[in-house]
Amino acid sequence: MANNGVTTRLQKEMNQLQQEFTQLKSDLDTKIDTKFQSFHDTMKWEIRTKIHTGLQVLFEQHMGQSTRTSVVGTNKATPVEVSLDKGKGILGNVPSESSKEE
């Protein structure tokens, strides 16, 4: 009979440890998810910024002079250059009347 008391006490302690383990696992999962989401958002913003900057450089090469303005993204303002020379196309100058006649 004395063993029943010890067994019951050990079962209670084991149950308590399992509950604590479950709670710790849940807390850890929440922290990991939060950190991962933060990392994901940061990487997403950095990739978008790099792509946007790269595209802007390509457009500048083909569109002519530009002026700086800013575009507000999800969480940061990004400087962007906007072309003022609308007379040029991707391949250079707009065809003149003399080149159309040829």
PDB file of N, CA and C in Angstrom:
ATOM      1  N   MET A   1       0.809  -1.187   0.000  1.00  0.00           N
ATOM      2  CA  MET A   1       0.000   0.000   0.000  1.00  0.00           C
ATOM      3  C   MET A   1       0.853   1.252   0.000  1.00  0.00           C
ATOM      4  N   ALA A   2       2.006   1.169   0.641  1.00  0.00           N
ATOM      5  CA  ALA A   2       2.879   2.335   0.674  1.00  0.00           C
ATOM      6  C   ALA A   2       3.367   2.670  -0.728  1.00  0.00           C
ATOM      7  N   ASN A   3       3.485   1.676  -1.568  1.00  0.00           N
ATOM      8  CA  ASN A   3       3.922   1.897  -2.941  1.00  0.00           C
ATOM      9  C   ASN A   3       2.876   2.645  -3.757  1.00  0.00           C
ATOM     10  N   ASN A   4       1.602   2.463  -3.448  1.00  0.00           N
ATOM     11  CA  ASN A   4       0.543   3.168  -4.174  1.00  0.00           C
ATOM     12  C   ASN A   4       0.674   4.677  -4.000  1.00  0.00           C
ATOM     13  N   GLY A   5       1.015   5.125  -2.815  1.00  0.00           N
ATOM     14  CA  GLY A   5       1.187   6.560  -2.563  1.00  0.00           C
ATOM     15  C   GLY A   5       2.352   7.132  -3.365  1.00  0.00           C
ATOM     16  N   VAL A   6       3.431   6.373  -3.420  1.00  0.00           N
ATOM     17  CA  VAL A   6       4.607   6.806  -4.177  1.00  0.00           C
ATOM     18  C   VAL A   6       4.288   6.829  -5.667  1.00  0.00           C
ATOM     19  N   THR A   7       3.604   5.806  -6.136  1.00  0.00           N
ATOM     20  CA  THR A   7       3.242   5.724  -7.547  1.00  0.00           C
ATOM     21  C   THR A   7       2.319   6.867  -7.931  1.00  0.00           C
ATOM     22  N   THR A   8       1.327   7.153  -7.105  1.00  0.00           N
ATOM     23  CA  THR A   8       0.390   8.246  -7.382  1.00  0.00           C
ATOM     24  C   THR A   8       1.130   9.581  -7.408  1.00  0.00           C
ATOM     25  N   ARG A   9       2.025   9.780  -6.462  1.00  0.00           N
ATOM     26  CA  ARG A   9       2.787  11.028  -6.419  1.00  0.00           C
ATOM     27  C   ARG A   9       3.669  11.160  -7.653  1.00  0.00           C
ATOM     28  N   LEU A  10       4.337  10.082  -8.065  1.00  0.00           N
ATOM     29  CA  LEU A  10       5.175  10.106  -9.259  1.00  0.00           C
ATOM     30  C   LEU A  10       4.341  10.367 -10.517  1.00  0.00           C
ATOM     31  N   GLN A  11       3.137   9.781 -10.564  1.00  0.00           N
ATOM     32  CA  GLN A  11       2.257  10.015 -11.710  1.00  0.00           C
ATOM     33  C   GLN A  11       1.835  11.487 -11.782  1.00  0.00           C
ATOM     34  N   LYS A  12       1.551  12.078 -10.624  1.00  0.00           N
ATOM     35  CA  LYS A  12       1.171  13.496 -10.588  1.00  0.00           C
ATOM     36  C   LYS A  12       2.337  14.375 -11.039  1.00  0.00           C
ATOM     37  N   GLU A  13       3.534  14.052 -10.542  1.00  0.00           N
ATOM     38  CA  GLU A  13       4.710  14.829 -10.939  1.00  0.00           C
ATOM     39  C   GLU A  13       4.993  14.681 -12.435  1.00  0.00           C
ATOM     40  N   MET A  14       4.828  13.460 -12.936  1.00  0.00           N
ATOM     41  CA  MET A  14       5.040  13.213 -14.359  1.00  0.00           C
ATOM     42  C   MET A  14       4.022  13.983 -15.192  1.00  0.00           C
ATOM     43  N   ASN A  15       2.784  13.997 -14.761  1.00  0.00           N
ATOM     44  CA  ASN A  15       1.730  14.733 -15.450  1.00  0.00           C
ATOM     45  C   ASN A  15       2.045  16.235 -15.450  1.00  0.00           C
ATOM     46  N   GLN A  16       2.508  16.743 -14.304  1.00  0.00           N
ATOM     47  CA  GLN A  16       2.856  18.160 -14.203  1.00  0.00           C
ATOM     48  C   GLN A  16       4.024  18.490 -15.138  1.00  0.00           C
ATOM     49  N   LEU A  17       5.038  17.623 -15.181  1.00  0.00           N
ATOM     50  CA  LEU A  17       6.170  17.836 -16.077  1.00  0.00           C
ATOM     51  C   LEU A  17       5.736  17.820 -17.546  1.00  0.00           C
ATOM     52  N   GLN A  18       4.817  16.927 -17.893  1.00  0.00           N
ATOM     53  CA  GLN A  18       4.314  16.876 -19.267  1.00  0.00           C
ATOM     54  C   GLN A  18       3.567  18.161 -19.626  1.00  0.00           C
ATOM     55  N   GLN A  19       2.788  18.686 -18.687  1.00  0.00           N
ATOM     56  CA  GLN A  19       2.075  19.940 -18.930  1.00  0.00           C
ATOM     57  C   GLN A  19       3.053  21.104 -19.099  1.00  0.00           C
ATOM     58  N   GLU A  20       4.083  21.139 -18.249  1.00  0.00           N
ATOM     59  CA  GLU A  20       5.092  22.189 -18.369  1.00  0.00           C
ATOM     60  C   GLU A  20       5.830  22.084 -19.702  1.00  0.00           C
ATOM     61  N   PHE A  21       6.152  20.858 -20.099  1.00  0.00           N
ATOM     62  CA  PHE A  21       6.820  20.637 -21.375  1.00  0.00           C
ATOM     63  C   PHE A  21       5.945  21.116 -22.532  1.00  0.00           C
ATOM     64  N   THR A  22       4.668  20.786 -22.487  1.00  0.00           N
ATOM     65  CA  THR A  22       3.734  21.210 -23.530  1.00  0.00           C
ATOM     66  C   THR A  22       3.658  22.732 -23.599  1.00  0.00           C
ATOM     67  N   GLN A  23       3.614  23.388 -22.445  1.00  0.00           N
ATOM     68  CA  GLN A  23       3.553  24.851 -22.417  1.00  0.00           C
ATOM     69  C   GLN A  23       4.846  25.465 -22.962  1.00  0.00           C
ATOM     70  N   LEU A  24       5.992  24.909 -22.563  1.00  0.00           N
ATOM     71  CA  LEU A  24       7.273  25.408 -23.069  1.00  0.00           C
ATOM     72  C   LEU A  24       7.376  25.238 -24.584  1.00  0.00           C
ATOM     73  N   LYS A  25       6.922  24.091 -25.076  1.00  0.00           N
ATOM     74  CA  LYS A  25       6.937  23.834 -26.518  1.00  0.00           C
ATOM     75  C   LYS A  25       6.056  24.840 -27.243  1.00  0.00           C
ATOM     76  N   SER A  26       4.890  25.107 -26.700  1.00  0.00           N
ATOM     77  CA  SER A  26       3.975  26.076 -27.302  1.00  0.00           C
ATOM     78  C   SER A  26       4.587  27.479 -27.314  1.00  0.00           C
ATOM     79  N   ASP A  27       5.201  27.878 -26.202  1.00  0.00           N
ATOM     80  CA  ASP A  27       5.853  29.189 -26.125  1.00  0.00           C
ATOM     81  C   ASP A  27       6.995  29.295 -27.134  1.00  0.00           C
ATOM     82  N   LEU A  28       7.783  28.232 -27.237  1.00  0.00           N
ATOM     83  CA  LEU A  28       8.897  28.220 -28.178  1.00  0.00           C
ATOM     84  C   LEU A  28       8.396  28.307 -29.620  1.00  0.00           C
ATOM     85  N   ASP A  29       7.353  27.556 -29.943  1.00  0.00           N
ATOM     86  CA  ASP A  29       6.769  27.609 -31.286  1.00  0.00           C
ATOM     87  C   ASP A  29       6.295  29.020 -31.625  1.00  0.00           C
ATOM     88  N   THR A  30       5.672  29.690 -30.664  1.00  0.00           N
ATOM     89  CA  THR A  30       5.195  31.061 -30.879  1.00  0.00           C
ATOM     90  C   THR A  30       6.364  32.001 -31.136  1.00  0.00           C
ATOM     91  N   LYS A  31       7.428  31.877 -30.347  1.00  0.00           N
ATOM     92  CA  LYS A  31       8.603  32.734 -30.531  1.00  0.00           C
ATOM     93  C   LYS A  31       9.260  32.483 -31.883  1.00  0.00           C
ATOM     94  N   ILE A  32       9.380  31.220 -32.256  1.00  0.00           N
ATOM     95  CA  ILE A  32       9.987  30.878 -33.547  1.00  0.00           C
ATOM     96  C   ILE A  32       9.149  31.443 -34.687  1.00  0.00           C
ATOM     97  N   ASP A  33       7.827  31.283 -34.607  1.00  0.00           N
ATOM     98  CA  ASP A  33       6.945  31.817 -35.649  1.00  0.00           C
ATOM     99  C   ASP A  33       7.073  33.332 -35.765  1.00  0.00           C
ATOM    100  N   THR A  34       7.155  34.020 -34.630  1.00  0.00           N
ATOM    101  CA  THR A  34       7.295  35.480 -34.635  1.00  0.00           C
ATOM    102  C   THR A  34       8.619  35.891 -35.270  1.00  0.00           C
ATOM    103  N   LYS A  35       9.702  35.235 -34.882  1.00  0.00           N
ATOM    104  CA  LYS A  35      11.018  35.548 -35.447  1.00  0.00           C
ATOM    105  C   LYS A  35      11.049  35.253 -36.945  1.00  0.00           C
ATOM    106  N   PHE A  36      10.466  34.126 -37.343  1.00  0.00           N
ATOM    107  CA  PHE A  36      10.447  33.766 -38.756  1.00  0.00           C
ATOM    108  C   PHE A  36       9.651  34.787 -39.563  1.00  0.00           C
ATOM    109  N   GLN A  37       8.507  35.220 -39.049  1.00  0.00           N
ATOM    110  CA  GLN A  37       7.691  36.209 -39.756  1.00  0.00           C
ATOM    111  C   GLN A  37       8.448  37.524 -39.896  1.00  0.00           C
ATOM    112  N   SER A  38       9.142  37.932 -38.851  1.00  0.00           N
ATOM    113  CA  SER A  38       9.944  39.154 -38.904  1.00  0.00           C
ATOM    114  C   SER A  38      11.055  39.021 -39.947  1.00  0.00           C
ATOM    115  N   PHE A  39      11.740  37.889 -39.944  1.00  0.00           N
ATOM    116  CA  PHE A  39      12.792  37.623 -40.925  1.00  0.00           C
ATOM    117  C   PHE A  39      12.216  37.629 -42.337  1.00  0.00           C
ATOM    118  N   HIS A  40      11.074  36.974 -42.513  1.00  0.00           N
ATOM    119  CA  HIS A  40      10.410  36.903 -43.813  1.00  0.00           C
ATOM    120  C   HIS A  40      10.058  38.300 -44.320  1.00  0.00           C
ATOM    121  N   ASP A  41       9.479  39.125 -43.458  1.00  0.00           N
ATOM    122  CA  ASP A  41       9.099  40.486 -43.852  1.00  0.00           C
ATOM    123  C   ASP A  41      10.324  41.314 -44.230  1.00  0.00           C
ATOM    124  N   THR A  42      11.395  41.178 -43.457  1.00  0.00           N
ATOM    125  CA  THR A  42      12.621  41.922 -43.741  1.00  0.00           C
ATOM    126  C   THR A  42      13.219  41.492 -45.076  1.00  0.00           C
ATOM    127  N   MET A  43      13.322  40.196 -45.304  1.00  0.00           N
ATOM    128  CA  MET A  43      13.885  39.698 -46.553  1.00  0.00           C
ATOM    129  C   MET A  43      13.020  40.104 -47.740  1.00  0.00           C
ATOM    130  N   LYS A  44      11.717  40.027 -47.583  1.00  0.00           N
ATOM    131  CA  LYS A  44      10.792  40.408 -48.650  1.00  0.00           C
ATOM    132  C   LYS A  44      11.008  41.871 -49.027  1.00  0.00           C
ATOM    133  N   TRP A  45      11.133  42.747 -48.011  1.00  0.00           N
ATOM    134  CA  TRP A  45      11.342  44.171 -48.272  1.00  0.00           C
ATOM    135  C   TRP A  45      12.687  44.401 -48.956  1.00  0.00           C
ATOM    136  N   GLU A  46      13.734  43.723 -48.482  1.00  0.00           N
ATOM    137  CA  GLU A  46      15.061  43.900 -49.075  1.00  0.00           C
ATOM    138  C   GLU A  46      15.093  43.424 -50.523  1.00  0.00           C
ATOM    139  N   ILE A  47      14.465  42.300 -50.807  1.00  0.00           N
ATOM    140  CA  ILE A  47      14.430  41.781 -52.174  1.00  0.00           C
ATOM    141  C   ILE A  47      13.659  42.729 -53.081  1.00  0.00           C
ATOM    142  N   ARG A  48      12.506  43.207 -52.620  1.00  0.00           N
ATOM    143  CA  ARG A  48      11.726  44.160 -53.419  1.00  0.00           C
ATOM    144  C   ARG A  48      12.532  45.424 -53.699  1.00  0.00           C
ATOM    145  N   THR A  49      13.247  45.903 -52.685  1.00  0.00           N
ATOM    146  CA  THR A  49      14.047  47.114 -52.852  1.00  0.00           C
ATOM    147  C   THR A  49      15.145  46.893 -53.883  1.00  0.00           C
ATOM    148  N   LYS A  50      15.833  45.759 -53.814  1.00  0.00           N
ATOM    149  CA  LYS A  50      16.905  45.469 -54.766  1.00  0.00           C
ATOM    150  C   LYS A  50      16.363  45.333 -56.183  1.00  0.00           C
ATOM    151  N   ILE A  51      15.249  44.646 -56.334  1.00  0.00           N
ATOM    152  CA  ILE A  51      14.640  44.500 -57.658  1.00  0.00           C
ATOM    153  C   ILE A  51      14.205  45.860 -58.179  1.00  0.00           C
ATOM    154  N   HIS A  52      13.555  46.642 -57.330  1.00  0.00           N
ATOM    155  CA  HIS A  52      13.081  47.965 -57.736  1.00  0.00           C
ATOM    156  C   HIS A  52      14.247  48.848 -58.153  1.00  0.00           C
ATOM    157  N   THR A  53      15.322  48.835 -57.370  1.00  0.00           N
ATOM    158  CA  THR A  53      16.496  49.646 -57.690  1.00  0.00           C
ATOM    159  C   THR A  53      17.119  49.193 -59.007  1.00  0.00           C
ATOM    160  N   GLY A  54      17.229  47.893 -59.197  1.00  0.00           N
ATOM    161  CA  GLY A  54      17.785  47.364 -60.444  1.00  0.00           C
ATOM    162  C   GLY A  54      16.956  47.751 -61.652  1.00  0.00           C
ATOM    163  N   LEU A  55      15.646  47.630 -61.533  1.00  0.00           N
ATOM    164  CA  LEU A  55      14.767  48.027 -62.632  1.00  0.00           C
ATOM    165  C   LEU A  55      14.864  49.522 -62.892  1.00  0.00           C
ATOM    166  N   GLN A  56      14.957  50.299 -61.823  1.00  0.00           N
ATOM    167  CA  GLN A  56      15.055  51.753 -61.976  1.00  0.00           C
ATOM    168  C   GLN A  56      16.324  52.123 -62.736  1.00  0.00           C
ATOM    169  N   VAL A  57      17.429  51.458 -62.434  1.00  0.00           N
ATOM    170  CA  VAL A  57      18.685  51.716 -63.140  1.00  0.00           C
ATOM    171  C   VAL A  57      18.534  51.377 -64.619  1.00  0.00           C
ATOM    172  N   LEU A  58      17.899  50.251 -64.921  1.00  0.00           N
ATOM    173  CA  LEU A  58      17.680  49.880 -66.319  1.00  0.00           C
ATOM    174  C   LEU A  58      16.820  50.912 -67.038  1.00  0.00           C
ATOM    175  N   PHE A  59      15.746  51.356 -66.394  1.00  0.00           N
ATOM    176  CA  PHE A  59      14.881  52.358 -67.008  1.00  0.00           C
ATOM    177  C   PHE A  59      15.627  53.668 -67.220  1.00  0.00           C
ATOM    178  N   GLU A  60      16.462  54.053 -66.259  1.00  0.00           N
ATOM    179  CA  GLU A  60      17.242  55.286 -66.392  1.00  0.00           C
ATOM    180  C   GLU A  60      18.172  55.215 -67.591  1.00  0.00           C
ATOM    181  N   GLN A  61      18.762  54.062 -67.818  1.00  0.00           N
ATOM    182  CA  GLN A  61      19.683  53.909 -68.939  1.00  0.00           C
ATOM    183  C   GLN A  61      18.972  54.126 -70.269  1.00  0.00           C
ATOM    184  N   HIS A  62      17.708  53.798 -70.334  1.00  0.00           N
ATOM    185  CA  HIS A  62      16.967  53.885 -71.585  1.00  0.00           C
ATOM    186  C   HIS A  62      16.046  55.089 -71.685  1.00  0.00           C
ATOM    187  N   MET A  63      15.734  55.719 -70.565  1.00  0.00           N
ATOM    188  CA  MET A  63      14.744  56.787 -70.587  1.00  0.00           C
ATOM    189  C   MET A  63      15.339  58.182 -70.466  1.00  0.00           C
ATOM    190  N   GLY A  64      16.563  58.339 -70.103  1.00  0.00           N
ATOM    191  CA  GLY A  64      17.159  59.659 -70.030  1.00  0.00           C
ATOM    192  C   GLY A  64      17.245  60.187 -68.616  1.00  0.00           C
ATOM    193  N   GLN A  65      17.274  61.530 -68.492  1.00  0.00           N
ATOM    194  CA  GLN A  65      17.429  62.180 -67.195  1.00  0.00           C
ATOM    195  C   GLN A  65      16.232  61.916 -66.309  1.00  0.00           C
ATOM    196  N   SER A  66      16.469  62.042 -65.022  1.00  0.00           N
ATOM    197  CA  SER A  66      15.394  61.785 -64.078  1.00  0.00           C
ATOM    198  C   SER A  66      15.533  62.674 -62.859  1.00  0.00           C
ATOM    199  N   THR A  67      14.501  62.695 -62.040  1.00  0.00           N
ATOM    200  CA  THR A  67      14.492  63.459 -60.797  1.00  0.00           C
ATOM    201  C   THR A  67      14.103  62.519 -59.670  1.00  0.00           C
ATOM    202  N   ARG A  68      14.533  62.837 -58.442  1.00  0.00           N
ATOM    203  CA  ARG A  68      14.265  61.932 -57.319  1.00  0.00           C
ATOM    204  C   ARG A  68      12.959  62.283 -56.633  1.00  0.00           C
ATOM    205  N   THR A  69      12.235  61.260 -56.240  1.00  0.00           N
ATOM    206  CA  THR A  69      11.031  61.380 -55.423  1.00  0.00           C
ATOM    207  C   THR A  69      11.045  60.196 -54.479  1.00  0.00           C
ATOM    208  N   SER A  70      10.036  60.024 -53.663  1.00  0.00           N
ATOM    209  CA  SER A  70      10.026  58.854 -52.786  1.00  0.00           C
ATOM    210  C   SER A  70       8.704  58.129 -52.889  1.00  0.00           C
ATOM    211  N   VAL A  71       8.802  56.818 -52.749  1.00  0.00           N
ATOM    212  CA  VAL A  71       7.636  55.948 -52.758  1.00  0.00           C
ATOM    213  C   VAL A  71       7.581  55.286 -51.400  1.00  0.00           C
ATOM    214  N   VAL A  72       6.434  55.305 -50.764  1.00  0.00           N
ATOM    215  CA  VAL A  72       6.297  54.696 -49.450  1.00  0.00           C
ATOM    216  C   VAL A  72       5.846  53.262 -49.643  1.00  0.00           C
ATOM    217  N   GLY A  73       6.658  52.327 -49.141  1.00  0.00           N
ATOM    218  CA  GLY A  73       6.323  50.915 -49.231  1.00  0.00           C
ATOM    219  C   GLY A  73       5.568  50.470 -48.000  1.00  0.00           C
ATOM    220  N   THR A  74       5.717  49.204 -47.652  1.00  0.00           N
ATOM    221  CA  THR A  74       4.987  48.657 -46.518  1.00  0.00           C
ATOM    222  C   THR A  74       5.441  49.261 -45.201  1.00  0.00           C
ATOM    223  N   ASN A  75       6.747  49.492 -45.054  1.00  0.00           N
ATOM    224  CA  ASN A  75       7.196  50.028 -43.780  1.00  0.00           C
ATOM    225  C   ASN A  75       8.342  51.030 -43.895  1.00  0.00           C
ATOM    226  N   LYS A  76       8.771  51.357 -45.106  1.00  0.00           N
ATOM    227  CA  LYS A  76       9.872  52.300 -45.270  1.00  0.00           C
ATOM    228  C   LYS A  76       9.648  53.115 -46.538  1.00  0.00           C
ATOM    229  N   ALA A  77      10.147  54.350 -46.558  1.00  0.00           N
ATOM    230  CA  ALA A  77      10.096  55.174 -47.763  1.00  0.00           C
ATOM    231  C   ALA A  77      11.348  54.894 -48.585  1.00  0.00           C
ATOM    232  N   THR A  78      11.184  54.687 -49.877  1.00  0.00           N
ATOM    233  CA  THR A  78      12.278  54.366 -50.759  1.00  0.00           C
ATOM    234  C   THR A  78      12.439  55.474 -51.793  1.00  0.00           C
ATOM    235  N   PRO A  79      13.643  56.050 -51.927  1.00  0.00           N
ATOM    236  CA  PRO A  79      13.820  57.059 -52.963  1.00  0.00           C
ATOM    237  C   PRO A  79      13.744  56.419 -54.344  1.00  0.00           C
ATOM    238  N   VAL A  80      13.069  57.087 -55.257  1.00  0.00           N
ATOM    239  CA  VAL A  80      12.870  56.573 -56.605  1.00  0.00           C
ATOM    240  C   VAL A  80      13.119  57.715 -57.576  1.00  0.00           C
ATOM    241  N   GLU A  81      13.739  57.417 -58.687  1.00  0.00           N
ATOM    242  CA  GLU A  81      13.933  58.437 -59.703  1.00  0.00           C
ATOM    243  C   GLU A  81      12.856  58.285 -60.762  1.00  0.00           C
ATOM    244  N   VAL A  82      12.256  59.423 -61.131  1.00  0.00           N
ATOM    245  CA  VAL A  82      11.190  59.435 -62.118  1.00  0.00           C
ATOM    246  C   VAL A  82      11.677  60.224 -63.321  1.00  0.00           C
ATOM    247  N   SER A  83      11.513  59.673 -64.510  1.00  0.00           N
ATOM    248  CA  SER A  83      12.001  60.306 -65.722  1.00  0.00           C
ATOM    249  C   SER A  83      11.193  61.542 -66.068  1.00  0.00           C
ATOM    250  N   LEU A  84      11.898  62.624 -66.411  1.00  0.00           N
ATOM    251  CA  LEU A  84      11.252  63.850 -66.861  1.00  0.00           C
ATOM    252  C   LEU A  84      11.269  63.954 -68.378  1.00  0.00           C
ATOM    253  N   ASP A  85      12.133  63.183 -69.041  1.00  0.00           N
ATOM    254  CA  ASP A  85      12.287  63.264 -70.483  1.00  0.00           C
ATOM    255  C   ASP A  85      11.330  62.280 -71.135  1.00  0.00           C
ATOM    256  N   LYS A  86      10.127  62.740 -71.447  1.00  0.00           N
ATOM    257  CA  LYS A  86       9.123  61.854 -72.025  1.00  0.00           C
ATOM    258  C   LYS A  86       9.239  61.783 -73.536  1.00  0.00           C
ATOM    259  N   GLY A  87      10.188  62.504 -74.113  1.00  0.00           N
ATOM    260  CA  GLY A  87      10.357  62.498 -75.555  1.00  0.00           C
ATOM    261  C   GLY A  87      11.172  61.327 -76.051  1.00  0.00           C
ATOM    262  N   LYS A  88      11.862  60.651 -75.170  1.00  0.00           N
ATOM    263  CA  LYS A  88      12.696  59.524 -75.574  1.00  0.00           C
ATOM    264  C   LYS A  88      11.953  58.217 -75.357  1.00  0.00           C
ATOM    265  N   GLY A  89      12.163  57.308 -76.255  1.00  0.00           N
ATOM    266  CA  GLY A  89      11.603  55.979 -76.106  1.00  0.00           C
ATOM    267  C   GLY A  89      12.668  55.044 -75.596  1.00  0.00           C
ATOM    268  N   ILE A  90      12.382  53.792 -75.562  1.00  0.00           N
ATOM    269  CA  ILE A  90      13.334  52.811 -75.049  1.00  0.00           C
ATOM    270  C   ILE A  90      14.584  52.750 -75.918  1.00  0.00           C
ATOM    271  N   LEU A  91      14.426  52.923 -77.226  1.00  0.00           N
ATOM    272  CA  LEU A  91      15.561  52.808 -78.129  1.00  0.00           C
ATOM    273  C   LEU A  91      16.263  54.135 -78.393  1.00  0.00           C
ATOM    274  N   GLY A  92      15.842  55.217 -77.773  1.00  0.00           N
ATOM    275  CA  GLY A  92      16.515  56.498 -77.969  1.00  0.00           C
ATOM    276  C   GLY A  92      15.529  57.605 -78.235  1.00  0.00           C
ATOM    277  N   ASN A  93      15.904  58.503 -79.156  1.00  0.00           N
ATOM    278  CA  ASN A  93      15.079  59.667 -79.459  1.00  0.00           C
ATOM    279  C   ASN A  93      13.832  59.293 -80.253  1.00  0.00           C
ATOM    280  N   VAL A  94      12.828  60.166 -80.153  1.00  0.00           N
ATOM    281  CA  VAL A  94      11.604  60.010 -80.934  1.00  0.00           C
ATOM    282  C   VAL A  94      11.956  60.250 -82.390  1.00  0.00           C
ATOM    283  N   PRO A  95      11.432  59.442 -83.317  1.00  0.00           N
ATOM    284  CA  PRO A  95      11.763  59.638 -84.735  1.00  0.00           C
ATOM    285  C   PRO A  95      11.370  61.042 -85.188  1.00  0.00           C
ATOM    286  N   SER A  96      12.261  61.680 -85.940  1.00  0.00           N
ATOM    287  CA  SER A  96      11.965  63.014 -86.457  1.00  0.00           C
ATOM    288  C   SER A  96      11.164  62.890 -87.744  1.00  0.00           C
ATOM    289  N   GLU A  97      10.626  64.012 -88.200  1.00  0.00           N
ATOM    290  CA  GLU A  97       9.845  64.021 -89.438  1.00  0.00           C
ATOM    291  C   GLU A  97      10.707  63.602 -90.624  1.00  0.00           C
ATOM    292  N   SER A  98      11.994  64.001 -90.618  1.00  0.00           N
ATOM    293  CA  SER A  98      12.864  63.665 -91.746  1.00  0.00           C
ATOM    294  C   SER A  98      13.117  62.161 -91.819  1.00  0.00           C
ATOM    295  N   SER A  99      13.210  61.488 -90.691  1.00  0.00           N
ATOM    296  CA  SER A  99      13.443  60.046 -90.727  1.00  0.00           C
ATOM    297  C   SER A  99      12.188  59.296 -91.132  1.00  0.00           C
ATOM    298  N   LYS A 100      11.015  59.869 -90.907  1.00  0.00           N
ATOM    299  CA  LYS A 100       9.766  59.227 -91.324  1.00  0.00           C
ATOM    300  C   LYS A 100       9.609  59.273 -92.841  1.00  0.00           C
ATOM    301  N   GLU A 101      10.149  60.336 -93.476  1.00  0.00           N
ATOM    302  CA  GLU A 101       9.999  60.508 -94.914  1.00  0.00           C
ATOM    303  C   GLU A 101      10.882  59.558 -95.688  1.00  0.00           C
ATOM    304  N   GLU A 102      11.941  59.044 -95.099  1.00  0.00           N
ATOM    305  CA  GLU A 102      12.889  58.175 -95.802  1.00  0.00           C
ATOM    306  C   GLU A 102      12.333  56.864 -96.083  1.00  0.00           C
TER     307      GLU A 102
END
